[in-house]
Amino acid sequence: MKTNNLKLTLLLLCLGGFMTIQAQGLYNLATLDDEDGNTPLKWSAGVDFGYDDVVDSLDEGVGWANSTIGGSAGFGWNDNDGNSETSFCVGAEYLHRITKDKRNPNGAGYLGAYVNYHNSSADNFDESLLRVGAKYTYFDRITAFNEVQLTYGAGAYYDTGNLDFSGFDEDVTGYGASLYFGANFRLCDKASIGVEVPVISFVSRTFESNGNEVTRDNISAMINKSNPAMFTFRYHLGDSQNLWDRQD
């Protein structure tokens, strides 16, 4: 019950934040003076736009960064018959835009790589893994001035590490893949924060000790000890045309 309440609280907070920012964006748009064009709109860390500038910007499509670098941190949990397991994850990522045209009114797709340190623990075990993977993320604009985007993506990874189970050490190797969704909130033109929540995940791990190996496969849905919700910070790079932009 506690687990379900925590998941519900997380989703309600994300929904409340989106509704607040969307309402503010619509209010900003409604208060523009289309007669004299002198009423400025302030957004994105104090950048000022007159009415004509805003209209031109919306006609051309919002701008998307060529690439981003960032960090992430996450948590996960699992409670089964009173036995609780917790996990945390920290990492870094690099994303590069593969959608053509820097200015796109709808959204943009990014392909990149990431590395994470992942730890899971309970009363009788402690597991530490280094995870290296690739991911695709699509940023879908949902507010008038691109303050917020929904994100959808998929990723695959390889991990390696060790497991201490009741005093016995095992080497761990494995791989996995997942689908996820989330939201990204622009703090300014150069930075954003977000959250990514797993939808469905597959993981295969091999445990080796004293020459003996055991492989375990698992499919799971939503947040759990192996698939934590990830909170992200991204810094946007590049204003010039990138490899994927049309040259005409």
C-alpha atoms as a PDB file:
ATOM      1  CA  MET A   1       0.000   0.000   0.000  1.00  0.00           C
ATOM      2  CA  LYS A   2       2.828   2.414   0.843  1.00  0.00           C
ATOM      3  CA  THR A   3       4.444   1.694  -2.516  1.00  0.00           C
ATOM      4  CA  ASN A   4       1.230   2.444  -4.427  1.00  0.00           C
ATOM      5  CA  ASN A   5       0.708   5.698  -2.511  1.00  0.00           C
ATOM      6  CA  LEU A   6       4.242   6.849  -3.310  1.00  0.00           C
ATOM      7  CA  LYS A   7       3.799   6.102  -7.027  1.00  0.00           C
ATOM      8  CA  LEU A   8       0.479   7.971  -7.080  1.00  0.00           C
ATOM      9  CA  THR A   9       2.022  10.975  -5.318  1.00  0.00           C
ATOM     10  CA  LEU A  10       4.863  11.128  -7.872  1.00  0.00           C
ATOM     11  CA  LEU A  11       2.443  11.072 -10.818  1.00  0.00           C
ATOM     12  CA  LEU A  12       0.187  13.739  -9.260  1.00  0.00           C
ATOM     13  CA  LEU A  13       3.151  16.064  -8.664  1.00  0.00           C
ATOM     14  CA  CYS A  14       4.246  15.743 -12.307  1.00  0.00           C
ATOM     15  CA  LEU A  15       0.678  16.377 -13.515  1.00  0.00           C
ATOM     16  CA  GLY A  16       0.284  19.407 -11.255  1.00  0.00           C
ATOM     17  CA  GLY A  17       3.540  20.925 -12.452  1.00  0.00           C
ATOM     18  CA  PHE A  18       2.561  20.492 -16.102  1.00  0.00           C
ATOM     19  CA  MET A  19      -0.880  22.078 -15.608  1.00  0.00           C
ATOM     20  CA  THR A  20       0.636  25.097 -13.847  1.00  0.00           C
ATOM     21  CA  ILE A  21       3.213  25.760 -16.583  1.00  0.00           C
ATOM     22  CA  GLN A  22       0.673  25.184 -19.372  1.00  0.00           C
ATOM     23  CA  ALA A  23      -1.745  27.667 -17.781  1.00  0.00           C
ATOM     24  CA  GLN A  24       1.009  30.273 -17.440  1.00  0.00           C
ATOM     25  CA  GLY A  25       2.005  29.827 -21.085  1.00  0.00           C
ATOM     26  CA  LEU A  26      -1.577  30.315 -22.285  1.00  0.00           C
ATOM     27  CA  TYR A  27      -1.934  33.396 -20.086  1.00  0.00           C
ATOM     28  CA  ASN A  28       1.276  34.865 -21.524  1.00  0.00           C
ATOM     29  CA  LEU A  29       0.008  34.313 -25.047  1.00  0.00           C
ATOM     30  CA  ALA A  30      -3.413  35.806 -24.291  1.00  0.00           C
ATOM     31  CA  THR A  31      -1.963  39.008 -22.802  1.00  0.00           C
ATOM     32  CA  LEU A  32       0.147  39.932 -25.837  1.00  0.00           C
ATOM     33  CA  ASP A  33      -0.897  43.224 -27.430  1.00  0.00           C
ATOM     34  CA  ASP A  34      -1.415  42.515 -31.137  1.00  0.00           C
ATOM     35  CA  GLU A  35      -2.165  46.157 -31.977  1.00  0.00           C
ATOM     36  CA  ASP A  36       1.030  47.975 -31.073  1.00  0.00           C
ATOM     37  CA  GLY A  37       3.352  44.997 -30.607  1.00  0.00           C
ATOM     38  CA  ASN A  38       5.011  46.650 -27.638  1.00  0.00           C
ATOM     39  CA  THR A  39       3.929  44.322 -24.870  1.00  0.00           C
ATOM     40  CA  PRO A  40       6.864  42.040 -24.164  1.00  0.00           C
ATOM     41  CA  LEU A  41       6.621  38.389 -23.197  1.00  0.00           C
ATOM     42  CA  LYS A  42       9.190  37.233 -20.657  1.00  0.00           C
ATOM     43  CA  TRP A  43      10.128  33.578 -20.556  1.00  0.00           C
ATOM     44  CA  SER A  44      13.180  31.383 -20.609  1.00  0.00           C
ATOM     45  CA  ALA A  45      15.267  33.105 -17.934  1.00  0.00           C
ATOM     46  CA  GLY A  46      14.245  36.673 -18.765  1.00  0.00           C
ATOM     47  CA  VAL A  47      14.576  36.725 -22.565  1.00  0.00           C
ATOM     48  CA  ASP A  48      12.172  39.403 -23.920  1.00  0.00           C
ATOM     49  CA  PHE A  49      10.046  38.933 -27.037  1.00  0.00           C
ATOM     50  CA  GLY A  50       7.689  41.450 -28.640  1.00  0.00           C
ATOM     51  CA  TYR A  51       4.457  40.244 -30.236  1.00  0.00           C
ATOM     52  CA  ASP A  52       5.845  40.155 -33.785  1.00  0.00           C
ATOM     53  CA  ASP A  53       8.896  38.203 -32.640  1.00  0.00           C
ATOM     54  CA  VAL A  54       6.688  35.626 -30.923  1.00  0.00           C
ATOM     55  CA  VAL A  55       4.464  35.161 -33.976  1.00  0.00           C
ATOM     56  CA  ASP A  56       7.491  34.752 -36.252  1.00  0.00           C
ATOM     57  CA  SER A  57       9.007  32.261 -33.830  1.00  0.00           C
ATOM     58  CA  LEU A  58       5.835  30.151 -33.694  1.00  0.00           C
ATOM     59  CA  ASP A  59       5.494  30.222 -37.508  1.00  0.00           C
ATOM     60  CA  GLU A  60       9.062  28.997 -37.978  1.00  0.00           C
ATOM     61  CA  GLY A  61       8.864  26.429 -35.203  1.00  0.00           C
ATOM     62  CA  VAL A  62      10.597  26.384 -31.848  1.00  0.00           C
ATOM     63  CA  GLY A  63      14.347  25.876 -31.789  1.00  0.00           C
ATOM     64  CA  TRP A  64      15.929  22.604 -30.707  1.00  0.00           C
ATOM     65  CA  ALA A  65      19.470  22.141 -29.425  1.00  0.00           C
ATOM     66  CA  ASN A  66      21.945  20.259 -31.592  1.00  0.00           C
ATOM     67  CA  SER A  67      22.963  18.159 -28.589  1.00  0.00           C
ATOM     68  CA  THR A  68      22.758  17.974 -24.813  1.00  0.00           C
ATOM     69  CA  ILE A  69      24.956  16.753 -21.993  1.00  0.00           C
ATOM     70  CA  GLY A  70      23.631  16.035 -18.559  1.00  0.00           C
ATOM     71  CA  GLY A  71      23.420  14.022 -15.413  1.00  0.00           C
ATOM     72  CA  SER A  72      20.752  11.863 -13.827  1.00  0.00           C
ATOM     73  CA  ALA A  73      19.799  10.414 -10.482  1.00  0.00           C
ATOM     74  CA  GLY A  74      17.079   7.952  -9.633  1.00  0.00           C
ATOM     75  CA  PHE A  75      15.511   5.688  -7.082  1.00  0.00           C
ATOM     76  CA  GLY A  76      13.502   2.482  -7.067  1.00  0.00           C
ATOM     77  CA  TRP A  77      11.869   0.189  -4.570  1.00  0.00           C
ATOM     78  CA  ASN A  78      10.125  -3.136  -4.191  1.00  0.00           C
ATOM     79  CA  ASP A  79       8.095  -4.473  -1.259  1.00  0.00           C
ATOM     80  CA  ASN A  80       7.141  -8.157  -1.218  1.00  0.00           C
ATOM     81  CA  ASP A  81       5.559  -9.689   1.886  1.00  0.00           C
ATOM     82  CA  GLY A  82       7.326  -7.223   4.158  1.00  0.00           C
ATOM     83  CA  ASN A  83      10.741  -7.680   2.519  1.00  0.00           C
ATOM     84  CA  SER A  84      11.744  -4.311   1.083  1.00  0.00           C
ATOM     85  CA  GLU A  85      14.473  -3.674  -1.465  1.00  0.00           C
ATOM     86  CA  THR A  86      15.711  -0.236  -2.442  1.00  0.00           C
ATOM     87  CA  SER A  87      17.964   1.021  -5.191  1.00  0.00           C
ATOM     88  CA  PHE A  88      19.589   4.215  -6.383  1.00  0.00           C
ATOM     89  CA  CYS A  89      21.267   5.200  -9.612  1.00  0.00           C
ATOM     90  CA  VAL A  90      23.484   8.104 -10.712  1.00  0.00           C
ATOM     91  CA  GLY A  91      24.824   8.695 -14.187  1.00  0.00           C
ATOM     92  CA  ALA A  92      25.676  10.896 -17.156  1.00  0.00           C
ATOM     93  CA  GLU A  93      24.333  11.081 -20.709  1.00  0.00           C
ATOM     94  CA  TYR A  94      24.982  12.661 -24.099  1.00  0.00           C
ATOM     95  CA  LEU A  95      22.220  13.162 -26.685  1.00  0.00           C
ATOM     96  CA  HIS A  96      22.527  14.347 -30.313  1.00  0.00           C
ATOM     97  CA  ARG A  97      19.600  15.545 -32.407  1.00  0.00           C
ATOM     98  CA  ILE A  98      18.811  13.307 -35.393  1.00  0.00           C
ATOM     99  CA  THR A  99      15.572  15.027 -36.426  1.00  0.00           C
ATOM    100  CA  LYS A 100      16.215  17.246 -39.454  1.00  0.00           C
ATOM    101  CA  ASP A 101      15.766  20.999 -39.136  1.00  0.00           C
ATOM    102  CA  LYS A 102      16.739  22.876 -36.005  1.00  0.00           C
ATOM    103  CA  ARG A 103      13.401  24.729 -35.985  1.00  0.00           C
ATOM    104  CA  ASN A 104      10.554  22.238 -35.810  1.00  0.00           C
ATOM    105  CA  PRO A 105       7.069  23.197 -34.563  1.00  0.00           C
ATOM    106  CA  ASN A 106       6.293  19.734 -33.223  1.00  0.00           C
ATOM    107  CA  GLY A 107       9.229  17.967 -31.613  1.00  0.00           C
ATOM    108  CA  ALA A 108      12.685  16.493 -32.052  1.00  0.00           C
ATOM    109  CA  GLY A 109      14.327  13.098 -31.718  1.00  0.00           C
ATOM    110  CA  TYR A 110      17.720  12.533 -30.093  1.00  0.00           C
ATOM    111  CA  LEU A 111      20.080   9.554 -30.114  1.00  0.00           C
ATOM    112  CA  GLY A 112      22.782   9.179 -27.490  1.00  0.00           C
ATOM    113  CA  ALA A 113      24.710   7.194 -24.924  1.00  0.00           C
ATOM    114  CA  TYR A 114      24.769   7.014 -21.151  1.00  0.00           C
ATOM    115  CA  VAL A 115      26.682   5.471 -18.246  1.00  0.00           C
ATOM    116  CA  ASN A 116      25.159   4.760 -14.809  1.00  0.00           C
ATOM    117  CA  TYR A 117      26.227   3.406 -11.446  1.00  0.00           C
ATOM    118  CA  HIS A 118      23.417   1.302  -9.992  1.00  0.00           C
ATOM    119  CA  ASN A 119      23.112  -0.099  -6.449  1.00  0.00           C
ATOM    120  CA  SER A 120      20.379  -2.323  -4.982  1.00  0.00           C
ATOM    121  CA  SER A 121      20.273  -3.522  -1.394  1.00  0.00           C
ATOM    122  CA  ALA A 122      18.160  -5.331   1.194  1.00  0.00           C
ATOM    123  CA  ASP A 123      18.750  -7.053   4.521  1.00  0.00           C
ATOM    124  CA  ASN A 124      20.693  -9.987   3.059  1.00  0.00           C
ATOM    125  CA  PHE A 125      22.251  -8.696  -0.166  1.00  0.00           C
ATOM    126  CA  ASP A 126      23.996  -5.762  -1.799  1.00  0.00           C
ATOM    127  CA  GLU A 127      24.423  -5.458  -5.578  1.00  0.00           C
ATOM    128  CA  SER A 128      26.545  -2.865  -7.406  1.00  0.00           C
ATOM    129  CA  LEU A 129      26.549  -2.499 -11.198  1.00  0.00           C
ATOM    130  CA  LEU A 130      28.188  -0.273 -13.800  1.00  0.00           C
ATOM    131  CA  ARG A 131      25.802   0.170 -16.736  1.00  0.00           C
ATOM    132  CA  VAL A 132      26.693   1.442 -20.235  1.00  0.00           C
ATOM    133  CA  GLY A 133      23.973   1.923 -22.835  1.00  0.00           C
ATOM    134  CA  ALA A 134      22.441   3.712 -25.811  1.00  0.00           C
ATOM    135  CA  LYS A 135      19.074   5.460 -25.904  1.00  0.00           C
ATOM    136  CA  TYR A 136      16.637   7.241 -28.203  1.00  0.00           C
ATOM    137  CA  THR A 137      14.460  10.051 -26.816  1.00  0.00           C
ATOM    138  CA  TYR A 138      11.746  12.049 -28.564  1.00  0.00           C
ATOM    139  CA  PHE A 139      10.855  15.461 -27.115  1.00  0.00           C
ATOM    140  CA  ASP A 140       7.222  16.309 -27.901  1.00  0.00           C
ATOM    141  CA  ARG A 141       6.337  20.008 -27.416  1.00  0.00           C
ATOM    142  CA  ILE A 142       3.086  20.428 -25.465  1.00  0.00           C
ATOM    143  CA  THR A 143       3.126  24.108 -24.397  1.00  0.00           C
ATOM    144  CA  ALA A 144       2.901  27.203 -26.583  1.00  0.00           C
ATOM    145  CA  PHE A 145       6.458  28.426 -26.076  1.00  0.00           C
ATOM    146  CA  ASN A 146       8.111  25.046 -25.554  1.00  0.00           C
ATOM    147  CA  GLU A 147       8.431  25.407 -21.789  1.00  0.00           C
ATOM    148  CA  VAL A 148       7.481  21.730 -21.389  1.00  0.00           C
ATOM    149  CA  GLN A 149       7.846  18.636 -23.532  1.00  0.00           C
ATOM    150  CA  LEU A 150       6.605  15.110 -23.012  1.00  0.00           C
ATOM    151  CA  THR A 151       9.369  12.584 -23.661  1.00  0.00           C
ATOM    152  CA  TYR A 152       9.155   9.052 -25.031  1.00  0.00           C
ATOM    153  CA  GLY A 153      12.076   6.736 -25.547  1.00  0.00           C
ATOM    154  CA  ALA A 154      13.769   3.386 -25.590  1.00  0.00           C
ATOM    155  CA  GLY A 155      17.172   2.220 -24.423  1.00  0.00           C
ATOM    156  CA  ALA A 156      19.410  -0.817 -24.260  1.00  0.00           C
ATOM    157  CA  TYR A 157      22.434  -1.454 -22.055  1.00  0.00           C
ATOM    158  CA  TYR A 158      25.154  -3.809 -20.865  1.00  0.00           C
ATOM    159  CA  ASP A 159      26.091  -3.981 -17.201  1.00  0.00           C
ATOM    160  CA  THR A 160      28.756  -5.586 -15.036  1.00  0.00           C
ATOM    161  CA  GLY A 161      29.373  -5.686 -11.304  1.00  0.00           C
ATOM    162  CA  ASN A 162      29.160  -7.850  -8.200  1.00  0.00           C
ATOM    163  CA  LEU A 163      26.613  -9.211  -5.727  1.00  0.00           C
ATOM    164  CA  ASP A 164      27.186  -9.866  -2.027  1.00  0.00           C
ATOM    165  CA  PHE A 165      24.485 -12.334  -0.919  1.00  0.00           C
ATOM    166  CA  SER A 166      24.595 -13.353   2.760  1.00  0.00           C
ATOM    167  CA  GLY A 167      28.385 -13.119   2.766  1.00  0.00           C
ATOM    168  CA  PHE A 168      28.930 -14.883  -0.596  1.00  0.00           C
ATOM    169  CA  ASP A 169      30.359 -12.869  -3.497  1.00  0.00           C
ATOM    170  CA  GLU A 170      29.213 -13.358  -7.087  1.00  0.00           C
ATOM    171  CA  ASP A 171      30.280 -11.663 -10.318  1.00  0.00           C
ATOM    172  CA  VAL A 172      27.407 -10.232 -12.316  1.00  0.00           C
ATOM    173  CA  THR A 173      27.132  -9.520 -16.047  1.00  0.00           C
ATOM    174  CA  GLY A 174      24.025  -8.825 -18.065  1.00  0.00           C
ATOM    175  CA  TYR A 175      22.073  -6.769 -20.529  1.00  0.00           C
ATOM    176  CA  GLY A 176      18.644  -5.223 -20.758  1.00  0.00           C
ATOM    177  CA  ALA A 177      16.266  -2.902 -22.579  1.00  0.00           C
ATOM    178  CA  SER A 178      13.356  -0.671 -21.625  1.00  0.00           C
ATOM    179  CA  LEU A 179      10.671   1.688 -22.878  1.00  0.00           C
ATOM    180  CA  TYR A 180      10.074   4.859 -20.877  1.00  0.00           C
ATOM    181  CA  PHE A 181       8.100   8.095 -20.802  1.00  0.00           C
ATOM    182  CA  GLY A 182       8.492  11.352 -18.936  1.00  0.00           C
ATOM    183  CA  ALA A 183       8.521  15.129 -19.072  1.00  0.00           C
ATOM    184  CA  ASN A 184      11.179  17.779 -19.665  1.00  0.00           C
ATOM    185  CA  PHE A 185      10.921  21.320 -18.220  1.00  0.00           C
ATOM    186  CA  ARG A 186      12.997  24.159 -19.702  1.00  0.00           C
ATOM    187  CA  LEU A 187      14.655  26.329 -17.067  1.00  0.00           C
ATOM    188  CA  CYS A 188      16.176  28.653 -19.698  1.00  0.00           C
ATOM    189  CA  ASP A 189      17.471  28.498 -23.267  1.00  0.00           C
ATOM    190  CA  LYS A 190      20.472  26.435 -22.173  1.00  0.00           C
ATOM    191  CA  ALA A 191      19.202  24.153 -19.410  1.00  0.00           C
ATOM    192  CA  SER A 192      16.306  21.876 -18.527  1.00  0.00           C
ATOM    193  CA  ILE A 193      15.262  19.375 -15.876  1.00  0.00           C
ATOM    194  CA  GLY A 194      13.088  16.312 -16.304  1.00  0.00           C
ATOM    195  CA  VAL A 195      11.890  12.930 -15.130  1.00  0.00           C
ATOM    196  CA  GLU A 196      11.896   9.559 -16.910  1.00  0.00           C
ATOM    197  CA  VAL A 197       9.695   6.672 -15.740  1.00  0.00           C
ATOM    198  CA  PRO A 198      10.073   3.108 -17.092  1.00  0.00           C
ATOM    199  CA  VAL A 199       7.005   1.591 -18.765  1.00  0.00           C
ATOM    200  CA  ILE A 200       8.243  -1.939 -19.420  1.00  0.00           C
ATOM    201  CA  SER A 201      11.717  -3.428 -19.024  1.00  0.00           C
ATOM    202  CA  PHE A 202      13.586  -6.635 -19.816  1.00  0.00           C
ATOM    203  CA  VAL A 203      16.781  -7.698 -18.056  1.00  0.00           C
ATOM    204  CA  SER A 204      18.988 -10.775 -18.306  1.00  0.00           C
ATOM    205  CA  ARG A 205      21.765 -11.295 -15.749  1.00  0.00           C
ATOM    206  CA  THR A 206      24.340 -14.030 -15.257  1.00  0.00           C
ATOM    207  CA  PHE A 207      25.693 -14.718 -11.763  1.00  0.00           C
ATOM    208  CA  GLU A 208      29.061 -16.506 -11.517  1.00  0.00           C
ATOM    209  CA  SER A 209      30.761 -17.888  -8.396  1.00  0.00           C
ATOM    210  CA  ASN A 210      33.503 -20.526  -8.161  1.00  0.00           C
ATOM    211  CA  GLY A 211      33.025 -21.539 -11.786  1.00  0.00           C
ATOM    212  CA  ASN A 212      29.248 -21.976 -11.490  1.00  0.00           C
ATOM    213  CA  GLU A 213      26.906 -19.761 -13.519  1.00  0.00           C
ATOM    214  CA  VAL A 214      23.198 -19.017 -13.219  1.00  0.00           C
ATOM    215  CA  THR A 215      21.270 -16.837 -15.683  1.00  0.00           C
ATOM    216  CA  ARG A 216      18.013 -15.135 -14.765  1.00  0.00           C
ATOM    217  CA  ASP A 217      15.659 -13.286 -17.110  1.00  0.00           C
ATOM    218  CA  ASN A 218      12.957 -10.909 -15.947  1.00  0.00           C
ATOM    219  CA  ILE A 219      10.283  -8.675 -17.497  1.00  0.00           C
ATOM    220  CA  SER A 220       8.792  -5.951 -15.313  1.00  0.00           C
ATOM    221  CA  ALA A 221       6.551  -2.904 -15.587  1.00  0.00           C
ATOM    222  CA  MET A 222       6.837   0.583 -14.123  1.00  0.00           C
ATOM    223  CA  ILE A 223       9.129   1.580 -11.242  1.00  0.00           C
ATOM    224  CA  ASN A 224      10.900  -1.158  -9.298  1.00  0.00           C
ATOM    225  CA  LYS A 225      14.285  -1.900  -7.766  1.00  0.00           C
ATOM    226  CA  SER A 226      15.924  -2.611 -11.138  1.00  0.00           C
ATOM    227  CA  ASN A 227      14.209   0.217 -13.025  1.00  0.00           C
ATOM    228  CA  PRO A 228      14.193   3.406 -10.989  1.00  0.00           C
ATOM    229  CA  ALA A 229      12.530   6.656 -11.961  1.00  0.00           C
ATOM    230  CA  MET A 230      15.294   8.949 -13.227  1.00  0.00           C
ATOM    231  CA  PHE A 231      15.494  12.695 -12.616  1.00  0.00           C
ATOM    232  CA  THR A 232      17.592  14.494 -15.220  1.00  0.00           C
ATOM    233  CA  PHE A 233      19.437  17.759 -15.746  1.00  0.00           C
ATOM    234  CA  ARG A 234      20.462  18.665 -19.305  1.00  0.00           C
ATOM    235  CA  TYR A 235      22.652  21.459 -20.667  1.00  0.00           C
ATOM    236  CA  HIS A 236      21.949  22.389 -24.301  1.00  0.00           C
ATOM    237  CA  LEU A 237      24.871  22.649 -26.735  1.00  0.00           C
ATOM    238  CA  GLY A 238      25.285  24.225 -30.158  1.00  0.00           C
ATOM    239  CA  ASP A 239      23.503  26.905 -32.138  1.00  0.00           C
ATOM    240  CA  SER A 240      24.927  26.131 -35.576  1.00  0.00           C
ATOM    241  CA  GLN A 241      23.563  23.670 -38.124  1.00  0.00           C
ATOM    242  CA  ASN A 242      24.347  20.065 -37.294  1.00  0.00           C
ATOM    243  CA  LEU A 243      24.956  16.951 -39.424  1.00  0.00           C
ATOM    244  CA  TRP A 244      21.255  16.059 -39.685  1.00  0.00           C
ATOM    245  CA  ASP A 245      19.917  19.450 -40.771  1.00  0.00           C
ATOM    246  CA  ARG A 246      18.784  19.927 -44.336  1.00  0.00           C
ATOM    247  CA  GLN A 247      21.291  21.854 -46.386  1.00  0.00           C
ATOM    248  CA  ASP A 248      18.824  23.578 -48.759  1.00  0.00           C
END
